[in-house]
Protein backbone atom coordinates (compact mmCIF):
# COMPACT_ATOMS: atom_id res chain seq x y z
CA MET A 1 10.36 -1.57 -50.93
CA ARG A 2 13.93 -0.99 -49.64
CA TRP A 3 15.52 -0.65 -52.48
CA GLN A 4 12.83 1.94 -54.65
CA GLY A 5 14.23 4.59 -51.80
CA GLN A 6 17.92 3.80 -52.90
CA GLN A 7 19.21 6.79 -55.28
CA LEU A 8 20.35 5.75 -59.04
CA GLY A 9 23.60 4.19 -59.20
CA VAL A 10 24.30 4.59 -55.52
CA PRO A 11 25.52 1.54 -53.74
CA ASP A 12 23.26 0.27 -50.32
CA ALA A 13 26.24 -1.72 -48.23
CA ALA A 14 23.31 -3.68 -45.88
CA ALA A 15 21.42 -4.07 -49.02
CA LEU A 16 21.09 -8.66 -50.81
CA PRO A 17 23.67 -9.38 -53.01
CA GLY A 18 22.38 -8.38 -56.22
CA LEU A 19 19.88 -5.77 -54.81
CA GLU A 20 22.55 -3.18 -53.92
CA HIS A 21 21.92 -0.93 -57.19
CA LEU A 22 18.10 0.62 -57.83
CA ASN A 23 19.62 -0.44 -61.80
CA GLY A 24 19.79 -4.57 -60.34
CA LEU A 25 16.94 -4.49 -60.24
CA VAL A 26 16.07 -5.36 -64.08
CA ARG A 27 11.84 -5.96 -63.61
CA SER A 28 9.28 -6.93 -61.48
CA VAL A 29 6.67 -10.20 -63.50
CA THR A 30 4.02 -11.45 -63.57
CA THR A 31 2.58 -13.92 -64.93
CA PRO A 32 -1.00 -15.78 -65.75
CA GLU A 33 1.26 -19.43 -65.44
CA PHE A 34 2.31 -18.08 -62.26
CA SER A 35 -0.80 -16.17 -60.73
CA GLY A 36 -0.41 -14.14 -57.16
CA VAL A 37 3.35 -13.88 -58.36
CA THR A 38 5.34 -11.86 -58.25
CA PHE A 39 9.45 -12.00 -59.75
CA HIS A 40 11.84 -9.79 -59.53
CA GLU A 41 14.69 -9.95 -61.20
CA VAL A 42 17.83 -9.24 -59.69
CA MET A 43 21.70 -9.06 -61.08
CA ALA A 44 23.42 -10.06 -58.88
CA LYS A 45 26.93 -8.74 -57.58
CA SER A 46 28.30 -12.41 -56.29
CA ALA A 47 26.95 -16.40 -55.84
CA LEU A 48 28.71 -17.39 -53.59
CA ASN A 49 28.06 -16.88 -49.84
CA HIS A 50 31.04 -17.59 -47.34
CA VAL A 51 29.06 -19.76 -44.42
CA PRO A 52 30.33 -17.60 -41.29
CA GLY A 53 33.80 -19.56 -39.89
CA ALA A 54 31.87 -20.06 -36.32
CA SER A 55 28.49 -21.76 -37.25
CA ALA A 56 28.03 -25.54 -36.33
CA MET A 57 26.76 -26.10 -40.28
CA PRO A 58 28.65 -28.95 -42.07
CA PHE A 59 29.46 -26.30 -45.29
CA ASP A 60 31.21 -23.05 -44.87
CA TRP A 61 29.87 -22.25 -48.83
CA THR A 62 26.03 -22.31 -50.05
CA VAL A 63 24.83 -21.05 -53.86
CA ASN A 64 20.99 -19.33 -53.68
CA PRO A 65 19.32 -18.44 -56.78
CA TYR A 66 15.77 -17.44 -55.40
CA ARG A 67 14.68 -14.62 -52.02
CA GLY A 68 11.47 -16.17 -51.41
CA CYS A 69 9.24 -19.67 -51.80
CA GLN A 70 6.86 -20.95 -53.62
CA HIS A 71 5.97 -23.80 -51.86
CA ALA A 72 4.84 -22.11 -49.61
CA CYS A 73 5.72 -24.44 -45.92
CA LEU A 74 3.82 -23.04 -43.10
CA TYR A 75 7.53 -24.03 -40.44
CA CYS A 76 9.82 -22.62 -43.22
CA PHE A 77 12.57 -21.26 -40.84
CA ALA A 78 13.90 -18.77 -44.31
CA ARG A 79 10.52 -16.31 -44.40
CA GLY A 80 12.50 -13.89 -40.77
CA THR A 81 14.90 -13.04 -44.20
CA HIS A 82 12.24 -11.62 -46.71
CA GLU A 83 11.64 -8.73 -43.64
CA TYR A 84 14.58 -7.54 -44.75
CA LEU A 85 13.28 -6.81 -47.74
CA GLU A 86 10.06 -5.03 -45.93
CA PHE A 87 8.04 -7.69 -47.42
CA ASP A 88 5.67 -9.98 -44.80
CA ALA A 89 7.18 -13.06 -43.48
CA GLY A 90 3.59 -14.72 -44.59
CA HIS A 91 1.87 -14.49 -47.79
CA ASP A 92 5.11 -12.42 -49.13
CA PHE A 93 7.15 -14.89 -48.62
CA ASP A 94 5.13 -16.87 -50.56
CA SER A 95 4.50 -14.95 -54.09
CA GLN A 96 7.49 -12.58 -54.61
CA ILE A 97 9.77 -14.33 -55.56
CA VAL A 98 13.15 -12.77 -56.08
CA VAL A 99 16.01 -14.45 -59.25
CA LYS A 100 19.02 -13.79 -59.40
CA ILE A 101 18.70 -14.10 -63.08
CA ASN A 102 22.33 -13.69 -64.01
CA VAL A 103 23.31 -16.04 -60.95
CA ALA A 104 25.21 -18.84 -63.12
CA ASP A 105 26.95 -16.09 -65.16
CA VAL A 106 28.35 -14.49 -61.59
CA LEU A 107 29.27 -18.41 -60.04
CA ARG A 108 31.73 -19.05 -62.68
CA LYS A 109 33.63 -15.94 -62.91
CA GLU A 110 34.03 -16.16 -58.73
CA LEU A 111 34.83 -19.90 -59.56
CA ALA A 112 37.68 -19.31 -61.92
CA ARG A 113 39.47 -16.78 -59.32
CA GLY A 114 43.17 -18.54 -57.93
CA SER A 115 41.71 -18.14 -54.62
CA TRP A 116 39.01 -20.67 -54.48
CA MET A 117 40.11 -23.28 -53.44
CA ARG A 118 36.89 -25.98 -55.16
CA GLU A 119 35.68 -26.30 -51.17
CA PRO A 120 32.26 -27.64 -51.01
CA VAL A 121 29.42 -26.16 -51.97
CA ALA A 122 25.60 -26.39 -50.66
CA LEU A 123 22.49 -25.52 -53.21
CA GLY A 124 19.33 -25.51 -50.85
CA THR A 125 20.47 -23.58 -47.72
CA ASN A 126 18.50 -20.98 -47.55
CA THR A 127 15.19 -21.90 -49.91
CA ASP A 128 14.67 -24.65 -53.19
CA PRO A 129 16.55 -23.44 -56.01
CA TYR A 130 13.83 -26.11 -57.70
CA GLN A 131 10.93 -24.79 -56.58
CA ARG A 132 8.63 -24.08 -59.17
CA ALA A 133 10.43 -20.26 -59.93
CA GLU A 134 13.02 -22.91 -61.46
CA GLY A 135 11.21 -24.12 -64.37
CA ARG A 136 10.58 -20.69 -65.83
CA TYR A 137 13.91 -19.12 -64.84
CA ARG A 138 16.31 -22.94 -65.39
CA LEU A 139 18.93 -21.03 -63.31
CA MET A 140 20.43 -24.73 -61.88
CA PRO A 141 21.54 -26.15 -65.36
CA GLY A 142 23.55 -23.33 -65.35
CA ILE A 143 24.78 -22.84 -61.57
CA VAL A 144 25.57 -27.17 -62.04
CA SER A 145 27.29 -27.21 -64.43
CA ALA A 146 29.54 -23.77 -63.12
CA LEU A 147 30.80 -25.95 -60.11
CA ALA A 148 31.09 -29.58 -62.18
CA ASP A 149 33.36 -27.53 -64.63
CA SER A 150 35.31 -26.33 -62.54
CA GLY A 151 36.02 -29.04 -59.94
CA THR A 152 33.70 -27.96 -57.28
CA PRO A 153 31.70 -30.38 -55.33
CA PHE A 154 28.38 -29.80 -53.92
CA SER A 155 24.77 -31.21 -53.05
CA ILE A 156 21.25 -30.60 -53.00
CA LEU A 157 18.78 -31.05 -50.64
CA THR A 158 15.12 -29.64 -52.48
CA LYS A 159 11.66 -30.75 -51.82
CA GLY A 160 10.85 -30.35 -55.73
CA SER A 161 9.89 -32.79 -58.29
CA LEU A 162 12.00 -30.32 -60.74
CA LEU A 163 15.38 -32.06 -59.85
CA ARG A 164 14.24 -35.23 -62.40
CA ARG A 165 14.89 -32.97 -64.91
CA ASP A 166 18.36 -32.23 -64.28
CA LEU A 167 19.54 -35.67 -63.35
CA PRO A 168 21.61 -36.33 -66.30
CA LEU A 169 23.38 -32.90 -66.26
CA LEU A 170 24.15 -34.54 -62.48
CA GLN A 171 24.88 -38.09 -63.63
CA GLU A 172 27.72 -36.63 -65.75
CA ALA A 173 28.90 -34.24 -62.82
CA LYS A 174 29.32 -36.63 -60.30
CA SER A 175 31.40 -38.40 -63.15
CA SER A 176 34.08 -35.28 -61.71
CA VAL A 177 32.74 -34.70 -58.28
CA PRO A 178 31.60 -35.38 -55.55
CA VAL A 179 27.63 -34.85 -55.86
CA THR A 180 25.41 -35.81 -53.32
CA ILE A 181 21.47 -35.62 -53.46
CA ALA A 182 18.76 -34.99 -50.61
CA MET A 183 15.05 -34.67 -50.57
CA SER A 184 12.82 -33.15 -47.92
CA ILE A 185 9.84 -34.98 -47.19
CA ALA A 186 8.78 -34.18 -43.59
CA VAL A 187 4.19 -34.92 -44.23
CA PHE A 188 2.92 -38.02 -46.11
CA ASP A 189 -0.67 -37.71 -44.97
CA GLU A 190 -1.77 -35.64 -48.05
CA THR A 191 -4.56 -34.02 -46.56
CA LEU A 192 -2.10 -32.32 -44.07
CA GLN A 193 0.41 -31.95 -47.14
CA LYS A 194 -1.45 -29.70 -48.27
CA LEU A 195 -2.09 -27.65 -45.91
CA VAL A 196 1.39 -27.11 -44.11
CA GLU A 197 2.77 -27.48 -48.36
CA PRO A 198 0.68 -26.59 -50.23
CA GLY A 199 2.75 -24.97 -52.90
CA THR A 200 5.06 -28.50 -52.82
CA PRO A 201 5.39 -31.32 -54.99
CA THR A 202 2.91 -34.19 -53.45
CA THR A 203 4.27 -36.76 -51.38
CA ALA A 204 4.37 -39.38 -54.07
CA ALA A 205 5.99 -37.00 -56.82
CA ARG A 206 8.50 -36.23 -53.75
CA LEU A 207 9.43 -40.14 -53.62
CA ASP A 208 9.37 -41.00 -57.04
CA THR A 209 11.77 -38.07 -57.26
CA VAL A 210 13.93 -40.25 -54.66
CA ARG A 211 13.76 -43.07 -56.75
CA ALA A 212 14.66 -42.02 -60.14
CA ALA A 213 17.79 -40.54 -58.60
CA THR A 214 18.73 -43.70 -56.27
CA GLU A 215 18.10 -45.62 -60.36
CA ALA A 216 20.36 -42.79 -61.47
CA GLY A 217 23.52 -44.00 -59.70
CA PHE A 218 22.53 -41.63 -56.07
CA ARG A 219 23.10 -42.01 -52.61
CA VAL A 220 19.70 -40.37 -51.64
CA THR A 221 19.10 -38.89 -48.09
CA VAL A 222 15.32 -38.17 -46.96
CA PHE A 223 14.91 -35.48 -44.90
CA LEU A 224 12.26 -36.53 -43.12
CA MET A 225 11.72 -32.93 -41.05
CA PRO A 226 10.38 -31.04 -39.66
CA VAL A 227 8.26 -34.49 -37.69
CA LEU A 228 5.37 -32.18 -36.32
CA PRO A 229 4.45 -32.49 -33.18
CA HIS A 230 0.86 -34.39 -32.53
CA LEU A 231 0.12 -34.17 -36.44
CA THR A 232 3.09 -36.26 -37.70
CA ASP A 233 5.34 -37.77 -34.61
CA SER A 234 2.85 -41.39 -34.04
CA ILE A 235 3.89 -44.64 -34.26
CA PRO A 236 1.97 -45.48 -37.28
CA MET A 237 2.86 -42.35 -39.24
CA LEU A 238 6.40 -42.43 -38.52
CA ASP A 239 6.61 -45.96 -39.72
CA ASP A 240 4.96 -45.99 -42.57
CA ALA A 241 6.23 -42.72 -43.29
CA LEU A 242 10.01 -44.96 -43.22
CA ARG A 243 8.46 -47.60 -45.17
CA ARG A 244 7.84 -45.60 -47.87
CA ILE A 245 11.18 -43.90 -47.67
CA LYS A 246 12.87 -47.48 -48.10
CA ALA A 247 11.09 -48.37 -50.88
CA ALA A 248 11.57 -45.12 -53.11
CA GLY A 249 15.82 -46.64 -52.69
CA ALA A 250 16.66 -44.05 -50.32
CA ALA A 251 19.50 -44.88 -48.08
CA ARG A 252 19.55 -42.97 -45.10
CA VAL A 253 17.78 -40.61 -42.89
CA VAL A 254 18.27 -37.63 -41.11
CA TYR A 255 15.45 -36.44 -38.58
CA GLY A 256 14.45 -33.73 -36.31
CA ALA A 257 11.34 -31.94 -34.62
CA LEU A 258 9.96 -28.52 -35.36
CA HIS A 259 11.95 -25.22 -35.21
CA LEU A 260 9.54 -22.26 -34.78
CA ARG A 261 11.62 -19.55 -35.47
CA PRO A 262 10.22 -15.76 -34.45
CA GLY A 263 9.66 -14.15 -38.22
CA VAL A 264 7.56 -18.28 -38.30
CA LYS A 265 6.23 -18.81 -34.76
CA PRO A 266 3.15 -16.21 -36.10
CA TRP A 267 2.49 -17.62 -38.99
CA PHE A 268 2.47 -20.83 -37.84
CA MET A 269 0.64 -20.11 -34.65
CA GLN A 270 -1.87 -18.97 -36.82
CA TRP A 271 -2.95 -21.58 -38.73
CA LEU A 272 -2.59 -23.70 -35.82
CA GLU A 273 -5.27 -22.26 -34.13
CA ARG A 274 -7.27 -22.38 -36.94
CA GLU A 275 -7.01 -25.92 -38.42
CA HIS A 276 -6.34 -27.36 -34.55
CA PRO A 277 -7.03 -25.13 -32.04
CA GLU A 278 -6.79 -28.21 -29.85
CA LEU A 279 -3.32 -28.46 -30.10
CA VAL A 280 -2.90 -24.99 -29.30
CA SER A 281 -2.16 -24.63 -26.05
CA SER A 282 0.08 -28.01 -26.61
CA TYR A 283 2.26 -26.29 -28.81
CA ARG A 284 2.33 -23.29 -26.64
CA GLY A 285 3.85 -25.44 -24.44
CA LEU A 286 6.76 -27.07 -26.50
CA TYR A 287 7.80 -23.75 -27.19
CA PRO A 288 7.40 -20.87 -24.75
CA GLY A 289 7.59 -17.22 -25.18
CA ALA A 290 10.57 -16.92 -27.94
CA SER A 291 12.00 -20.23 -28.03
CA ALA A 292 12.30 -22.28 -31.63
CA TYR A 293 13.23 -25.81 -30.82
CA ALA A 294 11.20 -28.55 -28.79
CA PRO A 295 12.85 -29.32 -25.42
CA LYS A 296 15.26 -31.66 -25.47
CA GLN A 297 13.34 -34.06 -23.80
CA TYR A 298 11.05 -34.21 -26.24
CA ARG A 299 13.44 -34.63 -28.78
CA SER A 300 15.15 -37.74 -26.83
CA TRP A 301 11.28 -38.88 -26.71
CA LEU A 302 11.16 -38.48 -30.44
CA ALA A 303 14.82 -40.56 -31.08
CA LYS A 304 13.11 -43.14 -29.43
CA ARG A 305 10.44 -43.76 -31.33
CA VAL A 306 12.81 -43.20 -34.92
CA HIS A 307 15.60 -45.23 -34.04
CA PRO A 308 14.07 -48.38 -33.69
CA LEU A 309 12.33 -47.96 -37.37
CA LEU A 310 14.80 -47.19 -38.75
CA ARG A 311 15.99 -50.40 -37.66
CA VAL A 312 12.93 -52.38 -38.53
CA HIS A 313 13.44 -51.41 -42.20
CA GLY A 314 16.82 -51.34 -42.45
CA LEU A 315 17.74 -47.50 -43.02
CA GLY A 316 20.59 -45.65 -42.34
CA GLY A 317 19.45 -42.27 -40.17
CA GLN A 318 19.87 -39.86 -37.72
CA ALA A 319 19.00 -37.21 -35.23
CA GLU A 320 20.12 -33.89 -36.89
CA ASP A 321 21.13 -33.02 -33.72
CA ASP A 322 23.87 -35.84 -34.68
CA SER A 323 24.81 -33.84 -37.80
CA PRO A 324 28.55 -33.86 -38.52
CA ARG A 325 29.39 -30.00 -38.45
CA ARG A 326 32.07 -28.86 -41.21
CA GLY A 327 33.94 -31.49 -43.57
CA PRO A 328 32.77 -32.99 -46.90
CA VAL A 329 30.11 -32.78 -49.09
CA SER A 330 27.46 -35.12 -47.67
CA GLY A 331 23.49 -36.09 -47.87
CA LEU A 332 23.67 -34.53 -44.48
CA ALA A 333 24.41 -31.13 -45.59
CA ALA A 334 21.22 -29.73 -43.98
CA ARG A 335 19.36 -26.69 -45.50
CA SER A 336 21.93 -23.82 -42.62
CA GLN A 337 19.61 -21.66 -40.40
CA ILE A 338 20.67 -18.67 -43.01
CA VAL A 339 19.72 -15.30 -42.25
CA THR A 340 20.63 -12.07 -43.42
CA THR A 341 22.37 -9.61 -41.38
CA SER A 342 22.60 -6.05 -41.16
CA ARG A 343 25.55 -6.70 -43.77
CA GLY A 344 23.28 -8.41 -46.24
CA ARG A 345 26.03 -11.50 -45.99
CA ALA A 346 25.08 -15.09 -45.64
CA ALA A 347 25.33 -15.82 -42.38
CA ALA A 348 24.55 -19.23 -40.41
CA GLN A 349 23.11 -19.29 -36.80
CA SER A 350 24.52 -21.73 -34.11
CA GLY A 351 21.94 -24.41 -33.27
CA PRO A 352 20.46 -27.41 -35.45
CA ALA A 353 19.88 -27.05 -38.83
CA MET A 354 16.53 -27.13 -40.34
CA LEU A 355 14.83 -27.75 -42.84
CA PHE A 356 12.16 -26.02 -44.56
């Protein structure tokens, strides 16, 4: 791996935050309760990531306690970021998890600087802060407390039902700073969900989390993203999804079509060829060559299906393309298309925000 070739104590300016030195890697851990997963525990030098000013993202600052994600979503845009560590974007992304074990302490120090302007911070912009690893490392309570104590507003976007553990802490934080919560639920068919999101909590568990957060006083947004062409975009499937979202108490929905970035497309297409060979030609037509986005015609077609259903179910909502760029933290703060630059910093690419 990239950090194994470094000399002890010699900084690597191109490394990810926390991997600049070999001695930043504390240890690599395997445990029976996480079979097949290796945790690489690192000492982070920084916690706050600044999103470049030219970005189309609706936030300027992010915190990512983990790299890699056990949710193992086939379509996750962040897969390509793992290749920088000389891991692959497939199985390694799901099983080689970088854990910034001191992230809360570093964040607290950064937030205490006189130069910090208490700008909104988005959590869950690259990999999920409430993935299964969080049950072991419990990094989020320290992060939430640091943000609230400093008077910094923040948003959380997750697929993790583990969010429920921290609802009392989030309620307490909400009494002093704006806190918004969004839940990502892309697939409502149980069989398909297990195939494309094998490490995620069930759809029912995530809807229960939406319900619990709503009952705790939060106005929850659900990200119905990505909508998978020919797999989850039928009117009956969209209608069922929105009905269940409404029943769980969500206030609004953000939806969007599948993106297939270069680091993701090969893995997704391999799965499609194996599980749905009849759809391969259609997907190649929708995402030709290096194209990452569904064409405008498809997105317009999808909007004509979704918007009437939003009205039927009494939900506020919009397409991801309509999300405001910059401004206060809100439930619309979509997971950014974070990539790692040659300097190892988090940079958001232009274009619509992509969830995983």
